[in-house]
Protein backbone atom coordinates (compact mmCIF):
# COMPACT_ATOMS: atom_id res chain seq x y z
CA MET A 1 18.76 15.05 -35.74
CA GLN A 2 21.88 13.92 -34.22
CA LEU A 3 22.81 17.05 -33.67
CA LYS A 4 19.95 17.91 -32.32
CA ARG A 5 20.25 15.78 -29.44
CA ALA A 6 24.09 16.17 -28.88
CA ILE A 7 22.75 20.29 -28.62
CA CYS A 8 20.15 19.36 -25.92
CA CYS A 9 22.33 16.97 -23.94
CA VAL A 10 24.71 19.50 -23.70
CA ALA A 11 21.44 21.91 -22.39
CA MET A 12 21.37 19.44 -20.15
CA ILE A 13 24.38 19.10 -18.64
CA LEU A 14 24.40 23.30 -18.51
CA GLY A 15 21.32 23.36 -16.51
CA ALA A 16 22.26 21.52 -13.67
CA ALA A 17 25.59 22.95 -12.80
CA ALA A 18 25.99 22.48 -9.54
CA LEU A 19 23.51 20.65 -8.30
CA HIS A 20 26.12 17.84 -7.77
CA ALA A 21 28.76 19.13 -6.19
CA GLN A 22 31.04 16.37 -5.12
CA LEU A 23 33.96 16.87 -2.63
CA LEU A 24 37.06 15.52 -4.97
CA GLN A 25 38.12 11.86 -3.84
CA PRO A 26 41.68 11.50 -2.74
CA ASN A 27 44.34 9.89 -4.91
CA GLY A 28 43.11 12.14 -8.25
CA ASP A 29 45.66 11.54 -10.85
CA ALA A 30 44.68 7.39 -10.26
CA VAL A 31 43.66 6.03 -13.43
CA VAL A 32 40.57 4.71 -13.68
CA ALA A 33 39.56 4.69 -17.80
CA VAL A 34 40.93 5.63 -21.33
CA VAL A 35 38.80 7.97 -24.04
CA ASN A 36 39.69 7.99 -27.03
CA GLY A 37 43.07 7.28 -26.28
CA LYS A 38 43.39 10.42 -23.26
CA ASN A 39 43.71 8.85 -19.37
CA VAL A 40 40.56 9.66 -17.44
CA THR A 41 41.59 10.33 -14.19
CA ARG A 42 39.26 10.72 -10.50
CA ALA A 43 39.45 14.32 -10.73
CA ASP A 44 38.05 14.56 -14.27
CA ILE A 45 35.41 12.22 -12.99
CA ASP A 46 35.02 14.48 -10.13
CA LYS A 47 34.44 17.74 -12.47
CA ILE A 48 31.85 15.66 -15.15
CA LYS A 49 29.88 14.93 -11.37
CA GLN A 50 29.83 18.73 -11.07
CA ILE A 51 28.08 19.38 -13.90
CA ALA A 52 26.80 16.45 -15.31
CA PRO A 53 22.71 16.16 -15.03
CA PRO A 54 21.17 13.73 -13.04
CA GLN A 55 20.42 11.08 -15.89
CA LEU A 56 23.86 11.13 -16.89
CA LEU A 57 25.11 10.49 -13.35
CA GLN A 58 22.98 7.14 -12.93
CA ILE A 59 24.11 5.81 -16.49
CA LEU A 60 27.61 6.65 -14.51
CA GLN A 61 27.12 3.94 -11.82
CA ALA A 62 25.39 1.71 -13.71
CA ASN A 63 26.89 1.65 -16.98
CA PRO A 64 30.40 3.84 -16.84
CA GLN A 65 31.60 2.93 -20.64
CA ALA A 66 28.01 4.16 -22.17
CA ALA A 67 28.22 7.64 -19.98
CA LEU A 68 31.80 8.39 -20.57
CA LEU A 69 31.21 7.55 -24.45
CA ASN A 70 27.78 10.15 -23.55
CA TRP A 71 30.32 12.51 -22.26
CA TYR A 72 33.32 12.46 -24.07
CA LEU A 73 31.74 12.35 -27.74
CA ILE A 74 29.29 14.90 -26.97
CA GLN A 75 32.48 17.15 -25.94
CA TYR A 76 34.00 16.30 -29.23
CA LEU A 77 31.08 17.32 -31.33
CA GLY A 78 30.61 20.32 -29.47
CA ASP A 79 34.52 21.15 -29.66
CA LEU A 80 33.83 20.38 -33.46
CA GLY A 81 30.93 22.79 -33.38
CA GLN A 82 32.77 25.39 -32.77
CA GLN A 83 35.55 25.45 -34.67
CA ARG A 84 33.42 25.26 -37.63
CA LYS A 85 31.76 27.93 -35.83
CA LEU A 86 28.38 27.00 -36.05
CA ASP A 87 27.42 28.56 -32.96
CA GLU A 88 27.54 31.94 -35.01
CA ARG A 89 25.22 30.98 -38.16
CA SER A 90 21.66 30.87 -37.96
CA PRO A 91 19.57 28.70 -37.01
CA PHE A 92 22.37 27.45 -34.39
CA LYS A 93 22.76 30.84 -33.17
CA GLU A 94 19.29 31.27 -32.29
CA GLN A 95 18.98 27.84 -30.98
CA PHE A 96 21.83 28.25 -28.34
CA GLN A 97 20.37 31.59 -27.32
CA ALA A 98 17.69 30.01 -26.78
CA MET A 99 19.12 26.79 -24.92
CA LYS A 100 21.10 29.59 -22.92
CA SER A 101 17.70 31.68 -21.79
CA GLU A 102 16.02 28.43 -21.06
CA ALA A 103 19.35 27.10 -18.44
CA LEU A 104 19.13 30.61 -17.05
CA ALA A 105 15.54 30.92 -15.96
CA GLN A 106 15.72 27.30 -14.85
CA ALA A 107 18.39 28.87 -12.44
CA VAL A 108 17.03 32.00 -11.77
CA VAL A 109 13.74 30.08 -10.56
CA GLY A 110 15.82 28.31 -8.19
CA ASP A 111 17.73 31.54 -7.20
CA GLU A 112 14.59 33.04 -6.18
CA SER A 113 13.42 30.37 -4.07
CA ASN A 114 17.16 29.60 -2.81
CA THR A 115 17.55 33.39 -1.70
CA TYR A 116 13.70 34.05 -0.49
CA PRO A 117 14.14 35.37 2.70
CA VAL A 118 11.72 33.84 5.57
CA PRO A 119 11.81 35.61 9.45
CA ALA A 120 11.26 34.10 12.11
CA ALA A 121 7.62 35.04 12.72
CA ASP A 122 6.95 34.01 10.17
CA ILE A 123 8.69 30.59 10.82
CA LYS A 124 7.02 30.21 14.24
CA ALA A 125 3.27 31.18 12.62
CA PHE A 126 3.76 28.24 9.77
CA TYR A 127 4.76 25.01 12.36
CA ASP A 128 1.94 26.62 14.97
CA GLN A 129 -0.16 26.00 11.68
CA HIS A 130 0.64 22.33 10.81
CA LYS A 131 1.53 21.61 14.91
CA THR A 132 -0.40 18.58 14.50
CA GLU A 133 1.64 17.21 11.56
CA TYR A 134 4.94 17.41 13.69
CA GLN A 135 2.77 15.15 16.67
CA GLN A 136 2.11 11.51 17.20
CA SER A 137 0.69 9.67 19.57
CA LYS A 138 1.09 6.06 20.66
CA ILE A 139 -2.25 4.60 21.48
CA LYS A 140 -4.08 1.84 22.42
CA ALA A 141 -7.68 1.28 21.00
CA ILE A 142 -10.77 -0.33 21.85
CA TYR A 143 -13.28 -0.66 18.24
CA VAL A 144 -16.93 -1.29 18.56
CA SER A 145 -18.32 -2.29 15.61
CA TYR A 146 -21.60 -1.68 14.37
CA LYS A 147 -23.64 -2.57 10.83
CA PRO A 148 -22.56 -0.31 8.49
CA GLN A 149 -24.64 2.12 6.25
CA ILE A 150 -23.27 2.53 2.85
CA SER A 151 -25.71 5.05 1.06
CA GLY A 152 -22.69 7.08 -0.96
CA ALA A 153 -23.93 10.39 -0.86
CA GLY A 154 -21.59 12.75 0.85
CA THR A 155 -19.42 9.30 2.04
CA SER A 156 -15.78 10.09 0.80
CA PRO A 157 -13.75 7.10 -1.06
CA ALA A 158 -12.11 6.77 2.66
CA GLU A 159 -15.17 6.54 4.43
CA LEU A 160 -16.74 3.80 1.97
CA GLU A 161 -13.89 1.41 2.38
CA ALA A 162 -14.13 1.84 5.71
CA ALA A 163 -17.54 0.97 5.62
CA ALA A 164 -17.18 -1.57 3.38
CA LYS A 165 -14.23 -3.44 5.30
CA ALA A 166 -16.43 -3.78 8.63
CA ALA A 167 -19.36 -4.85 6.89
CA LEU A 168 -16.90 -7.82 4.95
CA LEU A 169 -16.04 -8.41 8.83
CA GLY A 170 -19.41 -8.89 9.81
CA GLY A 171 -20.53 -6.50 12.31
CA LYS A 172 -23.56 -7.21 13.81
CA ARG A 173 -24.83 -4.46 16.45
CA GLU A 174 -27.00 -1.65 15.55
CA GLU A 175 -25.00 1.49 15.96
CA PRO A 176 -26.92 2.60 19.04
CA ASP A 177 -25.86 -0.76 20.56
CA ALA A 178 -22.38 -0.01 19.73
CA LEU A 179 -22.61 3.32 21.29
CA ARG A 180 -23.91 1.78 24.53
CA LEU A 181 -21.23 -0.37 24.72
CA ALA A 182 -18.31 1.91 23.86
CA ILE A 183 -19.47 4.69 26.48
CA ASP A 184 -19.73 1.52 29.20
CA LEU A 185 -16.26 0.34 28.29
CA VAL A 186 -15.09 4.42 28.76
CA GLN A 187 -16.59 4.49 32.10
CA LYS A 188 -14.40 1.58 33.51
CA LEU A 189 -11.13 2.33 31.46
CA ARG A 190 -11.34 5.82 33.48
CA ALA A 191 -12.52 3.58 36.75
CA GLY A 192 -9.39 2.44 36.58
CA GLY A 193 -10.41 -0.67 34.05
CA ASP A 194 -8.06 -2.88 33.19
CA PHE A 195 -6.88 -1.99 29.37
CA ALA A 196 -6.13 -5.04 27.64
CA LYS A 197 -8.33 -7.16 29.19
CA LEU A 198 -11.19 -5.03 27.95
CA ALA A 199 -9.56 -5.30 24.31
CA ALA A 200 -9.57 -8.89 24.41
CA GLU A 201 -13.03 -9.31 25.47
CA PHE A 202 -15.09 -6.46 23.29
CA SER A 203 -12.72 -5.11 20.72
CA ASP A 204 -13.63 -6.08 16.67
CA ASP A 205 -10.30 -5.36 15.97
CA ALA A 206 -8.87 -8.60 15.15
CA ASP A 207 -5.07 -7.12 15.19
CA SER A 208 -4.84 -5.13 18.05
CA LYS A 209 -7.10 -7.02 20.95
CA THR A 210 -4.18 -9.42 20.44
CA LYS A 211 -1.92 -7.15 21.57
CA GLY A 212 -3.45 -5.39 24.62
CA GLY A 213 -5.38 -3.11 22.58
CA ASP A 214 -1.64 -1.62 20.94
CA PHE A 215 -2.68 0.76 17.95
CA GLY A 216 0.85 1.88 17.04
CA VAL A 217 2.01 5.14 16.60
CA ILE A 218 -0.48 8.47 14.71
CA LYS A 219 0.95 10.98 13.24
CA GLY A 220 -0.30 14.15 11.78
CA THR A 221 0.71 12.27 8.42
CA SER A 222 -0.84 8.50 9.13
CA GLN A 223 -3.80 7.61 6.45
CA PHE A 224 -6.75 7.64 9.11
CA PRO A 225 -9.53 10.19 8.67
CA GLU A 226 -9.11 13.92 9.76
CA ASP A 227 -11.40 14.04 13.01
CA PHE A 228 -9.55 10.72 13.80
CA LYS A 229 -6.33 12.13 14.36
CA LYS A 230 -7.50 15.03 15.33
CA ILE A 231 -8.85 13.59 18.24
CA VAL A 232 -5.85 11.39 19.09
CA LEU A 233 -3.39 14.27 18.64
CA ASP A 234 -4.95 16.67 20.93
CA MET A 235 -5.17 14.47 24.18
CA LYS A 236 -3.34 14.62 26.28
CA GLU A 237 -0.76 11.27 27.57
CA GLY A 238 -2.67 8.67 29.70
CA ALA A 239 -6.14 10.44 28.63
CA ILE A 240 -9.16 8.26 27.72
CA SER A 241 -11.17 9.50 25.05
CA ASP A 242 -14.78 10.18 24.82
CA PRO A 243 -15.91 7.45 22.11
CA ILE A 244 -14.53 8.25 18.13
CA LYS A 245 -17.47 7.23 16.07
CA GLN A 246 -16.07 6.19 12.59
CA PRO A 247 -18.32 5.09 9.52
CA ALA A 248 -18.99 1.42 10.81
CA GLY A 249 -17.31 1.50 14.37
CA TYR A 250 -16.75 3.92 17.29
CA TYR A 251 -12.85 4.05 18.53
CA VAL A 252 -11.97 4.34 22.47
CA VAL A 253 -8.57 5.71 22.81
CA ARG A 254 -6.13 5.87 25.29
CA VAL A 255 -2.81 7.78 24.68
CA GLU A 256 0.39 6.22 25.99
CA GLU A 257 2.99 8.32 24.97
CA LYS A 258 3.22 11.58 23.03
CA ALA A 259 5.95 12.98 20.84
CA GLU A 260 6.62 16.39 18.85
CA ARG A 261 9.37 16.93 16.58
CA SER A 262 10.12 21.01 18.07
CA MET A 263 10.35 24.07 16.26
CA THR A 264 14.29 23.96 16.20
CA ASP A 265 14.56 20.23 14.43
CA MET A 266 11.22 21.59 11.88
CA ASN A 267 13.65 24.59 10.80
CA SER A 268 15.22 23.77 7.20
CA GLU A 269 12.36 21.74 6.16
CA ILE A 270 9.48 24.87 7.16
CA VAL A 271 12.04 26.89 5.19
CA ALA A 272 12.19 24.85 2.52
CA SER A 273 8.07 24.62 2.16
CA ILE A 274 7.68 28.82 2.83
CA ARG A 275 10.06 29.27 0.03
CA ASP A 276 8.38 26.37 -2.41
CA THR A 277 5.10 28.02 -1.68
CA HIS A 278 6.91 31.46 -2.11
CA THR A 279 8.30 30.53 -5.65
CA LYS A 280 5.19 28.88 -6.89
CA GLN A 281 3.31 31.74 -6.58
CA TRP A 282 5.90 34.10 -7.67
CA LEU A 283 5.31 31.80 -11.02
CA VAL A 284 1.64 32.07 -11.35
CA ASP A 285 1.90 35.79 -10.64
CA LEU A 286 4.67 35.52 -13.81
CA GLN A 287 2.32 33.22 -15.96
CA LYS A 288 -0.43 35.93 -15.74
CA GLN A 289 1.71 38.77 -16.35
CA PHE A 290 2.61 36.68 -19.89
CA GLN A 291 -0.49 35.24 -20.63
CA PRO A 292 -1.07 35.72 -24.30
CA GLU A 293 -4.17 37.04 -26.07
CA ILE A 294 -4.28 35.55 -28.86
CA LYS A 295 -6.08 37.89 -31.67
CA ASP A 296 -6.07 35.38 -34.77
CA PRO A 297 -6.30 31.55 -33.64
CA SER A 298 -7.07 30.37 -37.40
CA TYR A 299 -3.66 31.36 -38.07
CA PHE A 300 -2.19 28.61 -35.28
CA MET A 301 -4.59 26.09 -36.34
CA GLN A 302 -3.13 26.11 -39.89
CA PRO A 303 0.74 27.93 -40.06
CA GLY A 304 1.51 25.62 -42.80
CA LEU A 305 -1.14 26.01 -44.89
CA GLN A 306 -1.74 29.75 -44.57
CA GLY A 307 1.63 30.02 -45.31
CA ILE A 308 1.16 28.78 -48.43
CA GLN A 309 -1.63 30.07 -49.39
CA GLN A 310 -0.18 33.66 -48.79
CA HIS A 311 2.85 32.57 -50.90
CA LEU A 312 0.35 31.96 -53.68
CA GLN A 313 -1.87 34.73 -53.75
CA GLN A 314 1.82 36.99 -53.47
CA THR A 315 2.91 34.88 -56.83
CA THR A 316 0.01 34.26 -58.28
CA GLY A 317 -1.73 38.27 -57.22
CA GLN A 318 -5.03 36.56 -56.66
CA LYS A 319 -7.07 37.93 -54.03
């Protein structure tokens, strides 16, 4: 069991090679530890960092003694295994080959993603398609609540939660009354009305009404309903919205500031996303290609028992 664990640790170390490349620290000859009577220098630690798996790197920071014990014990046992030529014996020979294949498979997946060419046209198409995700608008809002209708049918969890919160806050208007008030507020604001004063007087959002209607920044990734975000992010700076209906109220919104991350700023993230999508689909296609067709399910259900039965039949001549 201990040898098996040691082999697994070696595989993890090999599989993570080059993922944690570190610049060599100055004064690399400085001794930072002694293991089994040998000095361990800064340069030695830097080399370990270059190929060690993430788990060992975390332990190295929190408990360097345990990390170095694990590392150098594995190196010693590995060398001892080679001296005994265990890697040339079965089943260790086959196990090593399996671990090598697994490590190379992981490396191939990473290489497929890292080297997949992404044309500029694909980057622009992706940016245009996800443009709202890179936008943000600072807004003021007045919230006019009404008695929520919580039926549950066809209502999303977010909508149910919003309606439940509105019910707890005590929205007493009927929906038509709330809509008339919201329309009136839109007209007053578009005619030059003071947003802060109207918010203080009519808004049912306790937090923003005390801040002149300041509602914060809305982004494509914000936790708001998609229809609300789409309307807000499509508005121009300074625009005042028509009443935006939500499960338990209407919002009247004014966009104070708009900002947008450019395609140049998003280039590396877009490339990474496209490559990730490609690699996932590539793996799905490979899985389809290698999907097994089981001809004898019973063999896999009780392989040990079946093997015993076959052995008894062969040795006794029974059918």
